[in-house]
Amino acid sequence: MLPALPLPRLRRTALKFCALASLPLLAACSGESDSIDFAPACPVVEIPGEAADYYQYSGTDHDITHLVARASLTRVVGSCEAGEHRTVMTNMKIGLHVERGPASKVDFVNIPYFVAVVFNGEIKSKKEFVAHVSFEDGRMQDLTHTSNIPITLPVSRHIHSDQYHLEIGFQLTKAQLDFNRAHLVMPTFHKM
């Protein structure tokens, strides 16, 4: 039997937040000069290709009859605003497309995923979450999103919010990661 192949990764190499906080205009107090303050820049969101798909199989066979669940990241939406004590508050939700496979024996699936904060190439913080997806009424797939994920980023005169980036992906086992790496479709470039 043929193995199930990962979905295309056209939209997964790097995503930016789809929404920025509205640009607040702060009214000046009487006697002070007029000023305009803008919302801080949101960090870039990256989805590592090998962590963009989630496949769960029953046993070691990787064919469609043994597929329990498959998921992919669909989008990231969020906003940023200035926080207290030299911080930037980032709020985001992650969109998921989850499919129930033929080998599933229950009407729900728990999909682990992570959000990591990276600064100067070093992971400063990583948090793991679980998305609980229920397939009611015999549905075999669901488009859903996570609950709000708040992240506080410290900033200063020398550290700006755009110096951070966030990495998002599925929290995979070694076997799942090896499967994704073996089936990852790498982009090819041709000279014009």
C-alpha atoms as a PDB file:
ATOM      1  CA  MET A   1       0.000   0.000   0.000  1.00  0.00           C
ATOM      2  CA  LEU A   2       1.125   3.559  -0.632  1.00  0.00           C
ATOM      3  CA  PRO A   3       2.073   5.781   2.323  1.00  0.00           C
ATOM      4  CA  ALA A   4       0.071   8.914   2.974  1.00  0.00           C
ATOM      5  CA  LEU A   5       2.118  11.891   1.828  1.00  0.00           C
ATOM      6  CA  PRO A   6       2.290  15.262   3.637  1.00  0.00           C
ATOM      7  CA  LEU A   7       0.267  18.204   2.372  1.00  0.00           C
ATOM      8  CA  PRO A   8       2.100  20.853   0.285  1.00  0.00           C
ATOM      9  CA  ARG A   9       4.036  23.352   2.295  1.00  0.00           C
ATOM     10  CA  LEU A  10       3.603  26.468   0.169  1.00  0.00           C
ATOM     11  CA  ARG A  11       2.275  28.543   3.032  1.00  0.00           C
ATOM     12  CA  ARG A  12       4.443  27.097   5.774  1.00  0.00           C
ATOM     13  CA  THR A  13       7.970  28.388   5.307  1.00  0.00           C
ATOM     14  CA  ALA A  14       7.420  31.648   7.129  1.00  0.00           C
ATOM     15  CA  LEU A  15       4.280  33.376   8.210  1.00  0.00           C
ATOM     16  CA  LYS A  16       3.883  36.801   9.700  1.00  0.00           C
ATOM     17  CA  PHE A  17       1.116  37.734  12.004  1.00  0.00           C
ATOM     18  CA  CYS A  18      -1.976  38.472   9.951  1.00  0.00           C
ATOM     19  CA  ALA A  19      -3.140  41.224  12.204  1.00  0.00           C
ATOM     20  CA  LEU A  20      -1.416  43.979  14.129  1.00  0.00           C
ATOM     21  CA  ALA A  21      -3.006  45.759  16.993  1.00  0.00           C
ATOM     22  CA  SER A  22      -4.826  48.862  15.877  1.00  0.00           C
ATOM     23  CA  LEU A  23      -2.611  51.904  15.945  1.00  0.00           C
ATOM     24  CA  PRO A  24      -3.699  53.760  19.052  1.00  0.00           C
ATOM     25  CA  LEU A  25      -3.568  57.526  18.965  1.00  0.00           C
ATOM     26  CA  LEU A  26      -3.034  58.880  22.410  1.00  0.00           C
ATOM     27  CA  ALA A  27      -4.504  62.277  23.085  1.00  0.00           C
ATOM     28  CA  ALA A  28      -2.080  64.659  24.697  1.00  0.00           C
ATOM     29  CA  CYS A  29      -2.902  66.296  27.971  1.00  0.00           C
ATOM     30  CA  SER A  30      -3.391  70.032  27.913  1.00  0.00           C
ATOM     31  CA  GLY A  31      -0.089  71.878  28.122  1.00  0.00           C
ATOM     32  CA  GLU A  32       1.886  68.951  26.616  1.00  0.00           C
ATOM     33  CA  SER A  33       2.912  68.557  22.993  1.00  0.00           C
ATOM     34  CA  ASP A  34       0.802  66.418  20.690  1.00  0.00           C
ATOM     35  CA  SER A  35       2.249  62.919  20.160  1.00  0.00           C
ATOM     36  CA  ILE A  36       1.342  59.795  18.268  1.00  0.00           C
ATOM     37  CA  ASP A  37       2.307  56.378  19.650  1.00  0.00           C
ATOM     38  CA  PHE A  38       2.160  53.305  17.456  1.00  0.00           C
ATOM     39  CA  ALA A  39       1.596  49.700  18.406  1.00  0.00           C
ATOM     40  CA  PRO A  40       4.876  47.756  18.628  1.00  0.00           C
ATOM     41  CA  ALA A  41       5.901  45.496  15.763  1.00  0.00           C
ATOM     42  CA  CYS A  42       4.868  41.869  16.119  1.00  0.00           C
ATOM     43  CA  PRO A  43       7.579  39.232  15.842  1.00  0.00           C
ATOM     44  CA  VAL A  44       7.748  37.118  12.699  1.00  0.00           C
ATOM     45  CA  VAL A  45       6.170  33.675  13.043  1.00  0.00           C
ATOM     46  CA  GLU A  46       8.003  30.732  11.516  1.00  0.00           C
ATOM     47  CA  ILE A  47       6.785  27.166  11.090  1.00  0.00           C
ATOM     48  CA  PRO A  48       9.652  24.694  10.602  1.00  0.00           C
ATOM     49  CA  GLY A  49       8.756  22.486   7.628  1.00  0.00           C
ATOM     50  CA  GLU A  50       9.373  19.230   9.453  1.00  0.00           C
ATOM     51  CA  ALA A  51       6.998  20.257  12.270  1.00  0.00           C
ATOM     52  CA  ALA A  52       4.160  21.555  10.060  1.00  0.00           C
ATOM     53  CA  ASP A  53       2.321  18.235   9.681  1.00  0.00           C
ATOM     54  CA  TYR A  54       1.124  15.708  12.235  1.00  0.00           C
ATOM     55  CA  TYR A  55       0.553  12.054  11.352  1.00  0.00           C
ATOM     56  CA  GLN A  56      -0.495   9.455  13.894  1.00  0.00           C
ATOM     57  CA  TYR A  57      -0.522   5.808  12.806  1.00  0.00           C
ATOM     58  CA  SER A  58      -1.554   2.639  14.620  1.00  0.00           C
ATOM     59  CA  GLY A  59       1.534   0.430  14.635  1.00  0.00           C
ATOM     60  CA  THR A  60       4.523   0.852  12.363  1.00  0.00           C
ATOM     61  CA  ASP A  61       2.797   0.669   8.967  1.00  0.00           C
ATOM     62  CA  HIS A  62       2.419   4.056   7.289  1.00  0.00           C
ATOM     63  CA  ASP A  63      -0.414   3.350   4.906  1.00  0.00           C
ATOM     64  CA  ILE A  64      -3.849   4.949   4.868  1.00  0.00           C
ATOM     65  CA  THR A  65      -5.573   1.987   6.570  1.00  0.00           C
ATOM     66  CA  HIS A  66      -3.394   2.521   9.683  1.00  0.00           C
ATOM     67  CA  LEU A  67      -3.853   6.309   9.835  1.00  0.00           C
ATOM     68  CA  VAL A  68      -5.419   7.418  13.136  1.00  0.00           C
ATOM     69  CA  ALA A  69      -5.194  11.189  12.608  1.00  0.00           C
ATOM     70  CA  ARG A  70      -3.590  13.787  10.378  1.00  0.00           C
ATOM     71  CA  ALA A  71      -3.310  17.517  11.044  1.00  0.00           C
ATOM     72  CA  SER A  72      -1.779  20.599   9.460  1.00  0.00           C
ATOM     73  CA  LEU A  73      -1.317  24.202  10.552  1.00  0.00           C
ATOM     74  CA  THR A  74      -3.470  26.532   8.471  1.00  0.00           C
ATOM     75  CA  ARG A  75      -2.872  30.057   9.768  1.00  0.00           C
ATOM     76  CA  VAL A  76      -1.746  32.250  12.630  1.00  0.00           C
ATOM     77  CA  VAL A  77      -3.615  35.389  13.633  1.00  0.00           C
ATOM     78  CA  GLY A  78      -2.644  37.738  16.394  1.00  0.00           C
ATOM     79  CA  SER A  79      -1.930  41.188  17.650  1.00  0.00           C
ATOM     80  CA  CYS A  80       0.662  43.057  19.680  1.00  0.00           C
ATOM     81  CA  GLU A  81       0.385  45.916  22.120  1.00  0.00           C
ATOM     82  CA  ALA A  82       2.664  47.694  24.533  1.00  0.00           C
ATOM     83  CA  GLY A  83       2.628  46.066  27.955  1.00  0.00           C
ATOM     84  CA  GLU A  84       3.714  47.239  31.369  1.00  0.00           C
ATOM     85  CA  HIS A  85       7.309  47.482  32.567  1.00  0.00           C
ATOM     86  CA  ARG A  86       8.957  47.506  29.126  1.00  0.00           C
ATOM     87  CA  THR A  87       7.180  44.537  27.592  1.00  0.00           C
ATOM     88  CA  VAL A  88       5.240  43.770  24.441  1.00  0.00           C
ATOM     89  CA  MET A  89       2.095  41.676  24.841  1.00  0.00           C
ATOM     90  CA  THR A  90       1.502  39.263  21.939  1.00  0.00           C
ATOM     91  CA  ASN A  91      -1.785  37.394  21.591  1.00  0.00           C
ATOM     92  CA  MET A  92      -2.297  34.755  18.932  1.00  0.00           C
ATOM     93  CA  LYS A  93      -4.456  31.856  17.797  1.00  0.00           C
ATOM     94  CA  ILE A  94      -3.321  29.013  15.567  1.00  0.00           C
ATOM     95  CA  GLY A  95      -5.622  27.513  12.941  1.00  0.00           C
ATOM     96  CA  LEU A  96      -5.650  23.733  12.507  1.00  0.00           C
ATOM     97  CA  HIS A  97      -7.071  21.363   9.915  1.00  0.00           C
ATOM     98  CA  VAL A  98      -7.514  17.944  11.554  1.00  0.00           C
ATOM     99  CA  GLU A  99      -8.669  14.720   9.880  1.00  0.00           C
ATOM    100  CA  ARG A 100      -9.739  11.512  11.527  1.00  0.00           C
ATOM    101  CA  GLY A 101      -8.182   8.439   9.896  1.00  0.00           C
ATOM    102  CA  PRO A 102      -9.715   5.020   9.152  1.00  0.00           C
ATOM    103  CA  ALA A 103      -7.815   3.437  12.075  1.00  0.00           C
ATOM    104  CA  SER A 104      -9.345   5.806  14.650  1.00  0.00           C
ATOM    105  CA  LYS A 105     -11.442   4.023  17.273  1.00  0.00           C
ATOM    106  CA  VAL A 106     -12.689   7.168  19.066  1.00  0.00           C
ATOM    107  CA  ASP A 107     -14.450  10.371  17.992  1.00  0.00           C
ATOM    108  CA  PHE A 108     -11.738  12.757  19.230  1.00  0.00           C
ATOM    109  CA  VAL A 109      -8.011  13.328  18.915  1.00  0.00           C
ATOM    110  CA  ASN A 110      -5.469  15.205  21.027  1.00  0.00           C
ATOM    111  CA  ILE A 111      -2.877  17.020  18.923  1.00  0.00           C
ATOM    112  CA  PRO A 112       0.260  18.302  20.734  1.00  0.00           C
ATOM    113  CA  TYR A 113       1.850  21.514  19.478  1.00  0.00           C
ATOM    114  CA  PHE A 114       4.414  24.040  20.706  1.00  0.00           C
ATOM    115  CA  VAL A 115       5.206  27.743  20.642  1.00  0.00           C
ATOM    116  CA  ALA A 116       8.832  28.806  21.106  1.00  0.00           C
ATOM    117  CA  VAL A 117      10.255  32.311  21.567  1.00  0.00           C
ATOM    118  CA  VAL A 118      13.596  32.749  19.756  1.00  0.00           C
ATOM    119  CA  PHE A 119      15.987  35.667  20.233  1.00  0.00           C
ATOM    120  CA  ASN A 120      19.328  35.905  18.390  1.00  0.00           C
ATOM    121  CA  GLY A 121      18.983  32.311  17.204  1.00  0.00           C
ATOM    122  CA  GLU A 122      18.536  30.935  20.720  1.00  0.00           C
ATOM    123  CA  ILE A 123      15.298  29.483  22.080  1.00  0.00           C
ATOM    124  CA  LYS A 124      14.494  31.566  25.149  1.00  0.00           C
ATOM    125  CA  SER A 125      11.194  29.877  26.020  1.00  0.00           C
ATOM    126  CA  LYS A 126       9.146  26.954  24.744  1.00  0.00           C
ATOM    127  CA  LYS A 127       5.668  25.944  25.836  1.00  0.00           C
ATOM    128  CA  GLU A 128       3.780  22.820  24.823  1.00  0.00           C
ATOM    129  CA  PHE A 129      -0.001  22.683  24.394  1.00  0.00           C
ATOM    130  CA  VAL A 130      -2.609  20.104  23.394  1.00  0.00           C
ATOM    131  CA  ALA A 131      -5.473  20.813  20.995  1.00  0.00           C
ATOM    132  CA  HIS A 132      -8.456  18.581  21.771  1.00  0.00           C
ATOM    133  CA  VAL A 133     -10.494  18.073  18.599  1.00  0.00           C
ATOM    134  CA  SER A 134     -13.855  16.299  18.718  1.00  0.00           C
ATOM    135  CA  PHE A 135     -15.489  14.729  15.657  1.00  0.00           C
ATOM    136  CA  GLU A 136     -19.181  14.979  16.446  1.00  0.00           C
ATOM    137  CA  ASP A 137     -21.980  13.625  14.249  1.00  0.00           C
ATOM    138  CA  GLY A 138     -19.631  11.254  12.429  1.00  0.00           C
ATOM    139  CA  ARG A 139     -17.556  14.036  10.868  1.00  0.00           C
ATOM    140  CA  MET A 140     -14.161  12.962   9.584  1.00  0.00           C
ATOM    141  CA  GLN A 141     -12.446  16.378   9.591  1.00  0.00           C
ATOM    142  CA  ASP A 142     -12.538  19.711  11.356  1.00  0.00           C
ATOM    143  CA  LEU A 143     -11.206  23.220  10.812  1.00  0.00           C
ATOM    144  CA  THR A 144     -10.560  24.693  14.224  1.00  0.00           C
ATOM    145  CA  HIS A 145      -8.281  27.059  16.104  1.00  0.00           C
ATOM    146  CA  THR A 146      -6.526  27.091  19.433  1.00  0.00           C
ATOM    147  CA  SER A 147      -7.567  29.272  22.308  1.00  0.00           C
ATOM    148  CA  ASN A 148      -5.721  32.571  22.745  1.00  0.00           C
ATOM    149  CA  ILE A 149      -2.014  32.189  23.521  1.00  0.00           C
ATOM    150  CA  PRO A 150      -0.600  35.246  25.338  1.00  0.00           C
ATOM    151  CA  ILE A 151       3.160  35.832  25.198  1.00  0.00           C
ATOM    152  CA  THR A 152       5.024  38.606  27.011  1.00  0.00           C
ATOM    153  CA  LEU A 153       8.281  39.756  25.424  1.00  0.00           C
ATOM    154  CA  PRO A 154      10.744  41.923  27.380  1.00  0.00           C
ATOM    155  CA  VAL A 155      11.991  44.958  25.453  1.00  0.00           C
ATOM    156  CA  SER A 156      14.350  47.855  26.131  1.00  0.00           C
ATOM    157  CA  ARG A 157      16.149  50.619  24.255  1.00  0.00           C
ATOM    158  CA  HIS A 158      18.436  47.988  22.730  1.00  0.00           C
ATOM    159  CA  ILE A 159      15.999  45.081  22.440  1.00  0.00           C
ATOM    160  CA  HIS A 160      12.962  45.568  20.196  1.00  0.00           C
ATOM    161  CA  SER A 161      10.020  43.248  19.589  1.00  0.00           C
ATOM    162  CA  ASP A 162      11.024  42.773  15.948  1.00  0.00           C
ATOM    163  CA  GLN A 163      14.292  41.150  17.092  1.00  0.00           C
ATOM    164  CA  TYR A 164      12.296  38.163  18.331  1.00  0.00           C
ATOM    165  CA  HIS A 165      10.654  35.498  16.251  1.00  0.00           C
ATOM    166  CA  LEU A 166       8.200  32.808  17.243  1.00  0.00           C
ATOM    167  CA  GLU A 167       8.413  29.202  16.090  1.00  0.00           C
ATOM    168  CA  ILE A 168       5.229  27.148  15.973  1.00  0.00           C
ATOM    169  CA  GLY A 169       4.831  23.494  15.125  1.00  0.00           C
ATOM    170  CA  PHE A 170       3.472  20.138  16.156  1.00  0.00           C
ATOM    171  CA  GLN A 171       5.230  18.463  19.081  1.00  0.00           C
ATOM    172  CA  LEU A 172       6.307  15.245  17.378  1.00  0.00           C
ATOM    173  CA  THR A 173       7.815  11.988  18.531  1.00  0.00           C
ATOM    174  CA  LYS A 174      11.124  10.956  16.958  1.00  0.00           C
ATOM    175  CA  ALA A 175       9.281   8.509  14.674  1.00  0.00           C
ATOM    176  CA  GLN A 176       6.859  11.241  13.534  1.00  0.00           C
ATOM    177  CA  LEU A 177       9.723  13.670  12.920  1.00  0.00           C
ATOM    178  CA  ASP A 178      11.641  11.051  10.919  1.00  0.00           C
ATOM    179  CA  PHE A 179       8.501  10.357   8.845  1.00  0.00           C
ATOM    180  CA  ASN A 180       8.017  14.061   8.089  1.00  0.00           C
ATOM    181  CA  ARG A 181      11.676  14.490   7.135  1.00  0.00           C
ATOM    182  CA  ALA A 182      11.523  11.458   4.824  1.00  0.00           C
ATOM    183  CA  HIS A 183       8.367  12.740   3.103  1.00  0.00           C
ATOM    184  CA  LEU A 184       9.060  16.484   3.139  1.00  0.00           C
ATOM    185  CA  VAL A 185       8.778  17.953  -0.336  1.00  0.00           C
ATOM    186  CA  MET A 186      11.662  20.381  -0.679  1.00  0.00           C
ATOM    187  CA  PRO A 187      11.222  23.361  -3.010  1.00  0.00           C
ATOM    188  CA  THR A 188      13.297  23.293  -6.172  1.00  0.00           C
ATOM    189  CA  PHE A 189      14.564  26.325  -8.033  1.00  0.00           C
ATOM    190  CA  HIS A 190      15.452  26.481 -11.720  1.00  0.00           C
ATOM    191  CA  LYS A 191      17.527  29.131 -13.455  1.00  0.00           C
ATOM    192  CA  MET A 192      15.484  31.354 -15.752  1.00  0.00           C
END
